[in-house]
Amino acid sequence: MKTLSLLFVLAWTAAVGAGQDYAVTGMVVAVDRSAKAFTASIDEIPGFMRAMTMRFEVRDAAELDGVAPGAMVAFTLAVSPTASHVERLRVVRFENTQPDPFAASRLALLGEIVSGQTATTLTPGSAIPDFTLTDQQGRRVSLADFRGKVVAVNFIYTSCALPDFCLRLANHFNVLQKRFASQLGRELILLTITFDPVHDTPEVLAGYARQWNANPRSWHFLTGPEAEITRVCRLFGVQAFPNEGLMDHSLHSVLIDRQGTLVANVEGNRFTAIQFADLVERALR
């Protein structure tokens, strides 16, 4: 989606001669604190505006504290005949709807207590340490191989039984490979990393990749030794633990810029494929 101005909104509002407040939700794709503004890929506002990417202004730069690319936000858009601004901007934290949404978090905490080590999750702006894993064709693949390209990363396991979890994240990447077909491989790389390396061998991942018609030169499905998978997962706050043949796990979709710096780490599954694609588009500029 192209970023649009609010001018057409203001013109429409002026025509009806009345101000209005609208509840808005979406994903932040850029923040400009100096201009007291942010750009977001928003959901449809019924009866007023279709889903699109737009720039919004706040009255105080402090309202942007804690707001970063990839954040899911909710706010009120106050539109008058001559101006508009955002009020009550807040970041919407992901809340898991699994039967026991905190199982993975509790197990992670227990693991830290037992091991005496605390996991450190990278924050936006951090340089990503290199890692090397094995893709669906048995090739060794390192993050450093893609320096100079935008890299999108998600985490799944192929036995996930819930269609709105791992399958949804994989489908989001399927949307990316279609939307950015001309840039895939050349400017954009997709990495899908399993957190179940015991079962997700390169052969299993190859079969899973075929479900999405994934080009193995630009969309790599990665596995590796458990210790290395655990290290990579910890970098991004991914938690996954076996539970009666399945896995209790968190959900993360990550975007890395051309310099190997973390742009966004989006938790959960409450965003659309289009919103994540808008975030990618911004990084590709």
C-alpha atoms as a PDB file:
ATOM      1  CA  MET A   1       0.000   0.000   0.000  1.00  0.00           C
ATOM      2  CA  LYS A   2       1.222   3.505  -0.795  1.00  0.00           C
ATOM      3  CA  THR A   3       1.420   6.032   1.991  1.00  0.00           C
ATOM      4  CA  LEU A   4      -1.396   8.532   1.590  1.00  0.00           C
ATOM      5  CA  SER A   5      -1.928  12.037   2.938  1.00  0.00           C
ATOM      6  CA  LEU A   6      -4.815  13.101   5.141  1.00  0.00           C
ATOM      7  CA  LEU A   7      -5.620  15.919   2.696  1.00  0.00           C
ATOM      8  CA  PHE A   8      -8.418  13.987   1.052  1.00  0.00           C
ATOM      9  CA  VAL A   9      -9.822  13.152   4.480  1.00  0.00           C
ATOM     10  CA  LEU A  10      -9.776  16.808   5.467  1.00  0.00           C
ATOM     11  CA  ALA A  11     -11.403  17.839   2.199  1.00  0.00           C
ATOM     12  CA  TRP A  12     -14.181  15.316   2.734  1.00  0.00           C
ATOM     13  CA  THR A  13     -14.683  16.399   6.333  1.00  0.00           C
ATOM     14  CA  ALA A  14     -14.759  20.078   5.353  1.00  0.00           C
ATOM     15  CA  ALA A  15     -17.456  19.289   2.838  1.00  0.00           C
ATOM     16  CA  VAL A  16     -19.743  17.963   5.560  1.00  0.00           C
ATOM     17  CA  GLY A  17     -18.708  20.794   7.875  1.00  0.00           C
ATOM     18  CA  ALA A  18     -18.287  18.802  11.096  1.00  0.00           C
ATOM     19  CA  GLY A  19     -15.490  17.354  13.178  1.00  0.00           C
ATOM     20  CA  GLN A  20     -15.404  13.699  14.112  1.00  0.00           C
ATOM     21  CA  ASP A  21     -13.378  11.277  16.254  1.00  0.00           C
ATOM     22  CA  TYR A  22     -12.527   7.835  14.907  1.00  0.00           C
ATOM     23  CA  ALA A  23     -11.130   4.750  16.650  1.00  0.00           C
ATOM     24  CA  VAL A  24      -8.109   3.457  14.702  1.00  0.00           C
ATOM     25  CA  THR A  25      -5.921   0.349  14.976  1.00  0.00           C
ATOM     26  CA  GLY A  26      -2.879  -0.644  12.946  1.00  0.00           C
ATOM     27  CA  MET A  27       0.845  -1.361  12.746  1.00  0.00           C
ATOM     28  CA  VAL A  28       3.491   1.358  12.930  1.00  0.00           C
ATOM     29  CA  VAL A  29       5.904   1.326   9.984  1.00  0.00           C
ATOM     30  CA  ALA A  30       7.919   4.489  10.751  1.00  0.00           C
ATOM     31  CA  VAL A  31       8.351   7.096  13.509  1.00  0.00           C
ATOM     32  CA  ASP A  32       9.523  10.698  13.056  1.00  0.00           C
ATOM     33  CA  ARG A  33       9.854  12.189  16.529  1.00  0.00           C
ATOM     34  CA  SER A  34      11.291  15.475  15.258  1.00  0.00           C
ATOM     35  CA  ALA A  35       8.110  16.061  13.275  1.00  0.00           C
ATOM     36  CA  LYS A  36       5.882  14.606  16.030  1.00  0.00           C
ATOM     37  CA  ALA A  37       4.551  12.102  13.526  1.00  0.00           C
ATOM     38  CA  PHE A  38       4.367   8.416  12.726  1.00  0.00           C
ATOM     39  CA  THR A  39       3.303   6.343   9.733  1.00  0.00           C
ATOM     40  CA  ALA A  40       1.013   3.351  10.233  1.00  0.00           C
ATOM     41  CA  SER A  41      -0.645   0.677   8.146  1.00  0.00           C
ATOM     42  CA  ILE A  42      -4.154   0.948   9.558  1.00  0.00           C
ATOM     43  CA  ASP A  43      -7.189  -1.294   9.514  1.00  0.00           C
ATOM     44  CA  GLU A  44     -10.348  -0.114   7.799  1.00  0.00           C
ATOM     45  CA  ILE A  45     -12.349   2.557   9.624  1.00  0.00           C
ATOM     46  CA  PRO A  46     -15.902   1.413   8.789  1.00  0.00           C
ATOM     47  CA  GLY A  47     -17.921   4.022   6.982  1.00  0.00           C
ATOM     48  CA  PHE A  48     -14.983   6.418   6.731  1.00  0.00           C
ATOM     49  CA  MET A  49     -11.743   5.037   5.331  1.00  0.00           C
ATOM     50  CA  ARG A  50     -10.428   1.852   3.777  1.00  0.00           C
ATOM     51  CA  ALA A  51      -7.329   0.098   5.098  1.00  0.00           C
ATOM     52  CA  MET A  52      -4.238   2.017   4.023  1.00  0.00           C
ATOM     53  CA  THR A  53      -0.841   3.356   5.028  1.00  0.00           C
ATOM     54  CA  MET A  54      -0.913   6.950   6.277  1.00  0.00           C
ATOM     55  CA  ARG A  55       1.118   9.530   8.190  1.00  0.00           C
ATOM     56  CA  PHE A  56      -0.379  10.814  11.449  1.00  0.00           C
ATOM     57  CA  GLU A  57       0.622  13.651  13.754  1.00  0.00           C
ATOM     58  CA  VAL A  58       0.571  13.913  17.529  1.00  0.00           C
ATOM     59  CA  ARG A  59       0.614  17.164  19.500  1.00  0.00           C
ATOM     60  CA  ASP A  60       3.434  16.177  21.852  1.00  0.00           C
ATOM     61  CA  ALA A  61       6.480  14.104  20.863  1.00  0.00           C
ATOM     62  CA  ALA A  62       6.308  12.423  24.287  1.00  0.00           C
ATOM     63  CA  GLU A  63       3.217  10.599  23.027  1.00  0.00           C
ATOM     64  CA  LEU A  64       5.566   8.636  20.766  1.00  0.00           C
ATOM     65  CA  ASP A  65       7.528   7.182  23.694  1.00  0.00           C
ATOM     66  CA  GLY A  66       7.617   3.409  23.321  1.00  0.00           C
ATOM     67  CA  VAL A  67       6.266   3.568  19.762  1.00  0.00           C
ATOM     68  CA  ALA A  68       8.518   1.851  17.200  1.00  0.00           C
ATOM     69  CA  PRO A  69       8.216   0.180  13.791  1.00  0.00           C
ATOM     70  CA  GLY A  70       6.304  -3.066  14.117  1.00  0.00           C
ATOM     71  CA  ALA A  71       4.293  -1.938  17.149  1.00  0.00           C
ATOM     72  CA  MET A  72       0.571  -2.580  17.059  1.00  0.00           C
ATOM     73  CA  VAL A  73      -1.206   0.574  18.161  1.00  0.00           C
ATOM     74  CA  ALA A  74      -4.671   1.929  18.896  1.00  0.00           C
ATOM     75  CA  PHE A  75      -5.580   5.603  18.923  1.00  0.00           C
ATOM     76  CA  THR A  76      -8.266   8.183  18.345  1.00  0.00           C
ATOM     77  CA  LEU A  77      -8.065  10.196  15.131  1.00  0.00           C
ATOM     78  CA  ALA A  78      -9.591  13.621  15.725  1.00  0.00           C
ATOM     79  CA  VAL A  79     -10.556  15.210  12.415  1.00  0.00           C
ATOM     80  CA  SER A  80     -11.910  18.757  12.085  1.00  0.00           C
ATOM     81  CA  PRO A  81     -12.749  20.732   8.927  1.00  0.00           C
ATOM     82  CA  THR A  82      -9.212  22.178   8.872  1.00  0.00           C
ATOM     83  CA  ALA A  83      -6.862  19.790  10.683  1.00  0.00           C
ATOM     84  CA  SER A  84      -6.371  16.387  12.238  1.00  0.00           C
ATOM     85  CA  HIS A  85      -4.297  14.867  15.009  1.00  0.00           C
ATOM     86  CA  VAL A  86      -3.925  11.686  17.038  1.00  0.00           C
ATOM     87  CA  GLU A  87      -5.085  11.400  20.639  1.00  0.00           C
ATOM     88  CA  ARG A  88      -4.765   8.614  23.240  1.00  0.00           C
ATOM     89  CA  LEU A  89      -2.100   6.724  21.307  1.00  0.00           C
ATOM     90  CA  ARG A  90      -1.173   3.441  22.973  1.00  0.00           C
ATOM     91  CA  VAL A  91       0.801   0.338  22.082  1.00  0.00           C
ATOM     92  CA  VAL A  92      -1.362  -2.804  22.095  1.00  0.00           C
ATOM     93  CA  ARG A  93       0.556  -5.692  23.624  1.00  0.00           C
ATOM     94  CA  PHE A  94      -0.055  -9.176  22.269  1.00  0.00           C
ATOM     95  CA  GLU A  95      -2.161 -11.472  24.442  1.00  0.00           C
ATOM     96  CA  ASN A  96      -2.064 -15.124  23.523  1.00  0.00           C
ATOM     97  CA  THR A  97      -5.440 -16.870  23.164  1.00  0.00           C
ATOM     98  CA  GLN A  98      -4.118 -20.413  23.541  1.00  0.00           C
ATOM     99  CA  PRO A  99      -5.772 -22.450  26.352  1.00  0.00           C
ATOM    100  CA  ASP A 100      -2.757 -21.717  28.571  1.00  0.00           C
ATOM    101  CA  PRO A 101      -1.291 -18.511  27.131  1.00  0.00           C
ATOM    102  CA  PHE A 102       1.511 -18.196  29.677  1.00  0.00           C
ATOM    103  CA  ALA A 103       2.822 -21.769  29.495  1.00  0.00           C
ATOM    104  CA  ALA A 104       5.812 -20.918  27.287  1.00  0.00           C
ATOM    105  CA  SER A 105       6.696 -17.888  29.409  1.00  0.00           C
ATOM    106  CA  ARG A 106       6.546 -19.886  32.653  1.00  0.00           C
ATOM    107  CA  LEU A 107       8.694 -22.650  31.215  1.00  0.00           C
ATOM    108  CA  ALA A 108      11.203 -20.089  29.953  1.00  0.00           C
ATOM    109  CA  LEU A 109      11.433 -18.557  33.418  1.00  0.00           C
ATOM    110  CA  LEU A 110      11.915 -22.004  34.952  1.00  0.00           C
ATOM    111  CA  GLY A 111      14.677 -22.736  32.464  1.00  0.00           C
ATOM    112  CA  GLU A 112      16.450 -19.517  33.379  1.00  0.00           C
ATOM    113  CA  ILE A 113      16.237 -20.351  37.086  1.00  0.00           C
ATOM    114  CA  VAL A 114      17.660 -23.833  36.521  1.00  0.00           C
ATOM    115  CA  SER A 115      20.435 -22.685  34.187  1.00  0.00           C
ATOM    116  CA  GLY A 116      21.197 -19.469  36.051  1.00  0.00           C
ATOM    117  CA  GLN A 117      21.145 -17.589  32.737  1.00  0.00           C
ATOM    118  CA  THR A 118      18.756 -14.820  31.746  1.00  0.00           C
ATOM    119  CA  ALA A 119      17.760 -14.528  28.094  1.00  0.00           C
ATOM    120  CA  THR A 120      18.584 -11.172  26.505  1.00  0.00           C
ATOM    121  CA  THR A 121      16.219 -10.147  23.724  1.00  0.00           C
ATOM    122  CA  LEU A 122      17.492  -7.703  21.120  1.00  0.00           C
ATOM    123  CA  THR A 123      15.700  -4.388  20.777  1.00  0.00           C
ATOM    124  CA  PRO A 124      15.094  -2.340  17.588  1.00  0.00           C
ATOM    125  CA  GLY A 125      18.306  -0.644  16.510  1.00  0.00           C
ATOM    126  CA  SER A 126      20.487  -3.524  17.762  1.00  0.00           C
ATOM    127  CA  ALA A 127      23.013  -5.218  15.500  1.00  0.00           C
ATOM    128  CA  ILE A 128      22.054  -8.871  14.944  1.00  0.00           C
ATOM    129  CA  PRO A 129      24.786 -11.401  15.826  1.00  0.00           C
ATOM    130  CA  ASP A 130      25.520 -13.742  12.959  1.00  0.00           C
ATOM    131  CA  PHE A 131      24.165 -17.284  12.938  1.00  0.00           C
ATOM    132  CA  THR A 132      24.483 -20.240  10.585  1.00  0.00           C
ATOM    133  CA  LEU A 133      21.793 -22.874  10.027  1.00  0.00           C
ATOM    134  CA  THR A 134      20.859 -25.450   7.375  1.00  0.00           C
ATOM    135  CA  ASP A 135      18.115 -24.865   4.822  1.00  0.00           C
ATOM    136  CA  GLN A 136      15.625 -27.181   3.122  1.00  0.00           C
ATOM    137  CA  GLN A 137      18.184 -28.116   0.483  1.00  0.00           C
ATOM    138  CA  GLY A 138      20.850 -29.035   3.025  1.00  0.00           C
ATOM    139  CA  ARG A 139      22.871 -25.863   2.390  1.00  0.00           C
ATOM    140  CA  ARG A 140      24.587 -23.931   5.170  1.00  0.00           C
ATOM    141  CA  VAL A 141      23.053 -20.464   5.357  1.00  0.00           C
ATOM    142  CA  SER A 142      24.391 -17.559   7.422  1.00  0.00           C
ATOM    143  CA  LEU A 143      22.673 -14.278   8.193  1.00  0.00           C
ATOM    144  CA  ALA A 144      25.872 -12.519   7.101  1.00  0.00           C
ATOM    145  CA  ASP A 145      25.335 -13.912   3.590  1.00  0.00           C
ATOM    146  CA  PHE A 146      22.527 -11.401   3.134  1.00  0.00           C
ATOM    147  CA  ARG A 147      24.228  -8.181   4.235  1.00  0.00           C
ATOM    148  CA  GLY A 148      22.995  -5.447   1.897  1.00  0.00           C
ATOM    149  CA  LYS A 149      19.528  -7.003   1.689  1.00  0.00           C
ATOM    150  CA  VAL A 150      16.418  -6.687   3.830  1.00  0.00           C
ATOM    151  CA  VAL A 151      15.749  -9.927   5.729  1.00  0.00           C
ATOM    152  CA  ALA A 152      12.399 -11.010   7.161  1.00  0.00           C
ATOM    153  CA  VAL A 153      12.457 -13.843   9.719  1.00  0.00           C
ATOM    154  CA  ASN A 154       9.696 -15.859  11.357  1.00  0.00           C
ATOM    155  CA  PHE A 155       9.630 -18.922  13.608  1.00  0.00           C
ATOM    156  CA  ILE A 156       7.400 -21.995  13.220  1.00  0.00           C
ATOM    157  CA  TYR A 157       7.278 -25.751  13.573  1.00  0.00           C
ATOM    158  CA  THR A 158       5.754 -27.893  10.842  1.00  0.00           C
ATOM    159  CA  SER A 159       3.547 -29.974  13.170  1.00  0.00           C
ATOM    160  CA  CYS A 160       1.693 -26.950  14.539  1.00  0.00           C
ATOM    161  CA  ALA A 161      -1.981 -27.920  14.568  1.00  0.00           C
ATOM    162  CA  LEU A 162      -3.503 -24.446  14.900  1.00  0.00           C
ATOM    163  CA  PRO A 163      -4.198 -22.654  11.583  1.00  0.00           C
ATOM    164  CA  ASP A 164      -4.026 -19.206  13.176  1.00  0.00           C
ATOM    165  CA  PHE A 165      -0.511 -19.700  14.549  1.00  0.00           C
ATOM    166  CA  CYS A 166       2.415 -21.128  12.556  1.00  0.00           C
ATOM    167  CA  LEU A 167       0.391 -21.508   9.373  1.00  0.00           C
ATOM    168  CA  ARG A 168      -0.714 -17.890   9.568  1.00  0.00           C
ATOM    169  CA  LEU A 169       2.861 -16.663   9.916  1.00  0.00           C
ATOM    170  CA  ALA A 170       3.964 -18.853   7.009  1.00  0.00           C
ATOM    171  CA  ASN A 171       1.111 -17.501   4.917  1.00  0.00           C
ATOM    172  CA  HIS A 172       2.207 -13.948   5.730  1.00  0.00           C
ATOM    173  CA  PHE A 173       5.541 -14.768   4.091  1.00  0.00           C
ATOM    174  CA  ASN A 174       3.689 -16.312   1.162  1.00  0.00           C
ATOM    175  CA  VAL A 175       2.040 -12.916   0.694  1.00  0.00           C
ATOM    176  CA  LEU A 176       5.477 -11.273   0.807  1.00  0.00           C
ATOM    177  CA  GLN A 177       6.873 -13.521  -1.916  1.00  0.00           C
ATOM    178  CA  LYS A 178       3.970 -12.564  -4.168  1.00  0.00           C
ATOM    179  CA  ARG A 179       3.923  -8.825  -3.406  1.00  0.00           C
ATOM    180  CA  PHE A 180       7.700  -8.447  -3.727  1.00  0.00           C
ATOM    181  CA  ALA A 181       8.264 -10.999  -6.486  1.00  0.00           C
ATOM    182  CA  SER A 182      10.578  -8.682  -8.440  1.00  0.00           C
ATOM    183  CA  GLN A 183      12.699  -7.898  -5.363  1.00  0.00           C
ATOM    184  CA  LEU A 184      12.777 -11.328  -3.744  1.00  0.00           C
ATOM    185  CA  GLY A 185      16.285 -12.755  -3.715  1.00  0.00           C
ATOM    186  CA  ARG A 186      17.733  -9.546  -5.120  1.00  0.00           C
ATOM    187  CA  GLU A 187      16.767  -7.145  -2.321  1.00  0.00           C
ATOM    188  CA  LEU A 188      14.615  -9.200   0.063  1.00  0.00           C
ATOM    189  CA  ILE A 189      15.291 -12.564   1.727  1.00  0.00           C
ATOM    190  CA  LEU A 190      12.824 -14.630   3.764  1.00  0.00           C
ATOM    191  CA  LEU A 191      14.013 -16.927   6.575  1.00  0.00           C
ATOM    192  CA  THR A 192      11.620 -19.304   8.335  1.00  0.00           C
ATOM    193  CA  ILE A 193      13.314 -20.957  11.320  1.00  0.00           C
ATOM    194  CA  THR A 194      11.941 -24.043  13.047  1.00  0.00           C
ATOM    195  CA  PHE A 195      12.083 -24.228  16.845  1.00  0.00           C
ATOM    196  CA  ASP A 196      11.574 -28.024  16.629  1.00  0.00           C
ATOM    197  CA  PRO A 197      14.838 -29.175  15.004  1.00  0.00           C
ATOM    198  CA  VAL A 198      14.471 -32.725  16.323  1.00  0.00           C
ATOM    199  CA  HIS A 199      11.550 -33.347  13.971  1.00  0.00           C
ATOM    200  CA  ASP A 200      11.978 -30.597  11.364  1.00  0.00           C
ATOM    201  CA  THR A 201      14.877 -31.968   9.346  1.00  0.00           C
ATOM    202  CA  PRO A 202      15.851 -30.415   5.993  1.00  0.00           C
ATOM    203  CA  GLU A 203      13.754 -33.085   4.265  1.00  0.00           C
ATOM    204  CA  VAL A 204      10.675 -32.264   6.344  1.00  0.00           C
ATOM    205  CA  LEU A 205      11.196 -28.555   5.774  1.00  0.00           C
ATOM    206  CA  ALA A 206      11.543 -29.139   2.033  1.00  0.00           C
ATOM    207  CA  GLY A 207       8.096 -30.729   1.989  1.00  0.00           C
ATOM    208  CA  TYR A 208       6.681 -27.866   4.026  1.00  0.00           C
ATOM    209  CA  ALA A 209       8.293 -25.301   1.712  1.00  0.00           C
ATOM    210  CA  ARG A 210       6.646 -26.919  -1.298  1.00  0.00           C
ATOM    211  CA  GLN A 211       3.232 -26.142   0.208  1.00  0.00           C
ATOM    212  CA  TRP A 212       4.045 -22.453  -0.311  1.00  0.00           C
ATOM    213  CA  ASN A 213       5.813 -22.814  -3.668  1.00  0.00           C
ATOM    214  CA  ALA A 214       8.813 -21.281  -1.930  1.00  0.00           C
ATOM    215  CA  ASN A 215      11.823 -20.467  -4.095  1.00  0.00           C
ATOM    216  CA  PRO A 216      14.752 -22.014  -2.152  1.00  0.00           C
ATOM    217  CA  ARG A 217      17.084 -19.265  -3.372  1.00  0.00           C
ATOM    218  CA  SER A 218      15.065 -16.533  -1.662  1.00  0.00           C
ATOM    219  CA  TRP A 219      12.906 -18.219   1.005  1.00  0.00           C
ATOM    220  CA  HIS A 220      15.013 -20.448   3.253  1.00  0.00           C
ATOM    221  CA  PHE A 221      13.424 -22.830   5.779  1.00  0.00           C
ATOM    222  CA  LEU A 222      16.111 -23.345   8.410  1.00  0.00           C
ATOM    223  CA  THR A 223      16.996 -25.949  11.022  1.00  0.00           C
ATOM    224  CA  GLY A 224      20.132 -26.874  12.918  1.00  0.00           C
ATOM    225  CA  PRO A 225      21.570 -28.154  16.201  1.00  0.00           C
ATOM    226  CA  GLU A 226      19.256 -27.596  19.158  1.00  0.00           C
ATOM    227  CA  ALA A 227      21.789 -25.396  20.936  1.00  0.00           C
ATOM    228  CA  GLU A 228      22.114 -23.058  17.951  1.00  0.00           C
ATOM    229  CA  ILE A 229      18.352 -22.944  17.381  1.00  0.00           C
ATOM    230  CA  THR A 230      17.895 -22.041  21.055  1.00  0.00           C
ATOM    231  CA  ARG A 231      20.494 -19.273  20.781  1.00  0.00           C
ATOM    232  CA  VAL A 232      18.819 -17.745  17.733  1.00  0.00           C
ATOM    233  CA  CYS A 233      15.369 -17.989  19.300  1.00  0.00           C
ATOM    234  CA  ARG A 234      16.602 -16.238  22.445  1.00  0.00           C
ATOM    235  CA  LEU A 235      17.933 -13.325  20.389  1.00  0.00           C
ATOM    236  CA  PHE A 236      14.355 -12.490  19.416  1.00  0.00           C
ATOM    237  CA  GLY A 237      12.475 -13.580  22.529  1.00  0.00           C
ATOM    238  CA  VAL A 238      11.058 -16.720  20.925  1.00  0.00           C
ATOM    239  CA  GLN A 239       9.983 -19.308  23.503  1.00  0.00           C
ATOM    240  CA  ALA A 240       9.168 -22.903  22.573  1.00  0.00           C
ATOM    241  CA  PHE A 241       8.908 -26.034  24.703  1.00  0.00           C
ATOM    242  CA  PRO A 242       7.625 -29.583  24.024  1.00  0.00           C
ATOM    243  CA  ASN A 243       4.245 -30.375  25.532  1.00  0.00           C
ATOM    244  CA  GLU A 244       2.656 -33.811  24.973  1.00  0.00           C
ATOM    245  CA  GLY A 245       3.871 -34.155  21.403  1.00  0.00           C
ATOM    246  CA  LEU A 246       3.201 -30.548  20.449  1.00  0.00           C
ATOM    247  CA  MET A 247       4.909 -27.285  21.379  1.00  0.00           C
ATOM    248  CA  ASP A 248       4.009 -24.415  23.682  1.00  0.00           C
ATOM    249  CA  HIS A 249       5.464 -21.430  21.879  1.00  0.00           C
ATOM    250  CA  SER A 250       5.374 -17.708  21.320  1.00  0.00           C
ATOM    251  CA  LEU A 251       5.019 -16.027  17.928  1.00  0.00           C
ATOM    252  CA  HIS A 252       7.510 -13.560  16.465  1.00  0.00           C
ATOM    253  CA  SER A 253       8.029 -12.001  13.038  1.00  0.00           C
ATOM    254  CA  VAL A 254      11.266 -10.070  12.637  1.00  0.00           C
ATOM    255  CA  LEU A 255      12.555  -7.517  10.143  1.00  0.00           C
ATOM    256  CA  ILE A 256      16.277  -6.791   9.666  1.00  0.00           C
ATOM    257  CA  ASP A 257      17.606  -3.934   7.527  1.00  0.00           C
ATOM    258  CA  ARG A 258      20.383  -3.961   4.937  1.00  0.00           C
ATOM    259  CA  GLN A 259      23.031  -3.187   7.592  1.00  0.00           C
ATOM    260  CA  GLY A 260      22.052  -6.168   9.752  1.00  0.00           C
ATOM    261  CA  THR A 261      20.184  -4.045  12.293  1.00  0.00           C
ATOM    262  CA  LEU A 262      16.898  -5.051  13.904  1.00  0.00           C
ATOM    263  CA  VAL A 263      14.062  -2.898  12.528  1.00  0.00           C
ATOM    264  CA  ALA A 264      11.112  -4.603  14.220  1.00  0.00           C
ATOM    265  CA  ASN A 265      10.203  -7.659  16.260  1.00  0.00           C
ATOM    266  CA  VAL A 266       6.446  -8.138  15.988  1.00  0.00           C
ATOM    267  CA  GLU A 267       4.970 -10.461  18.585  1.00  0.00           C
ATOM    268  CA  GLY A 268       1.802 -12.451  18.043  1.00  0.00           C
ATOM    269  CA  ASN A 269      -0.594 -13.014  15.176  1.00  0.00           C
ATOM    270  CA  ARG A 270      -2.967 -10.052  15.460  1.00  0.00           C
ATOM    271  CA  PHE A 271      -1.572  -8.210  12.460  1.00  0.00           C
ATOM    272  CA  THR A 272      -2.416  -8.739   8.807  1.00  0.00           C
ATOM    273  CA  ALA A 273      -0.106  -9.926   6.063  1.00  0.00           C
ATOM    274  CA  ILE A 274      -0.637  -6.568   4.347  1.00  0.00           C
ATOM    275  CA  GLN A 275       0.481  -4.652   7.435  1.00  0.00           C
ATOM    276  CA  PHE A 276       3.692  -6.648   7.729  1.00  0.00           C
ATOM    277  CA  ALA A 277       4.248  -6.209   3.982  1.00  0.00           C
ATOM    278  CA  ASP A 278       3.872  -2.436   4.412  1.00  0.00           C
ATOM    279  CA  LEU A 279       6.593  -2.597   7.086  1.00  0.00           C
ATOM    280  CA  VAL A 280       8.829  -4.513   4.666  1.00  0.00           C
ATOM    281  CA  GLU A 281       8.128  -2.008   1.891  1.00  0.00           C
ATOM    282  CA  ARG A 282       9.294   0.815   4.122  1.00  0.00           C
ATOM    283  CA  ALA A 283      12.557  -1.024   4.876  1.00  0.00           C
ATOM    284  CA  LEU A 284      13.171  -1.644   1.175  1.00  0.00           C
ATOM    285  CA  ARG A 285      13.093   2.074   0.326  1.00  0.00           C
END
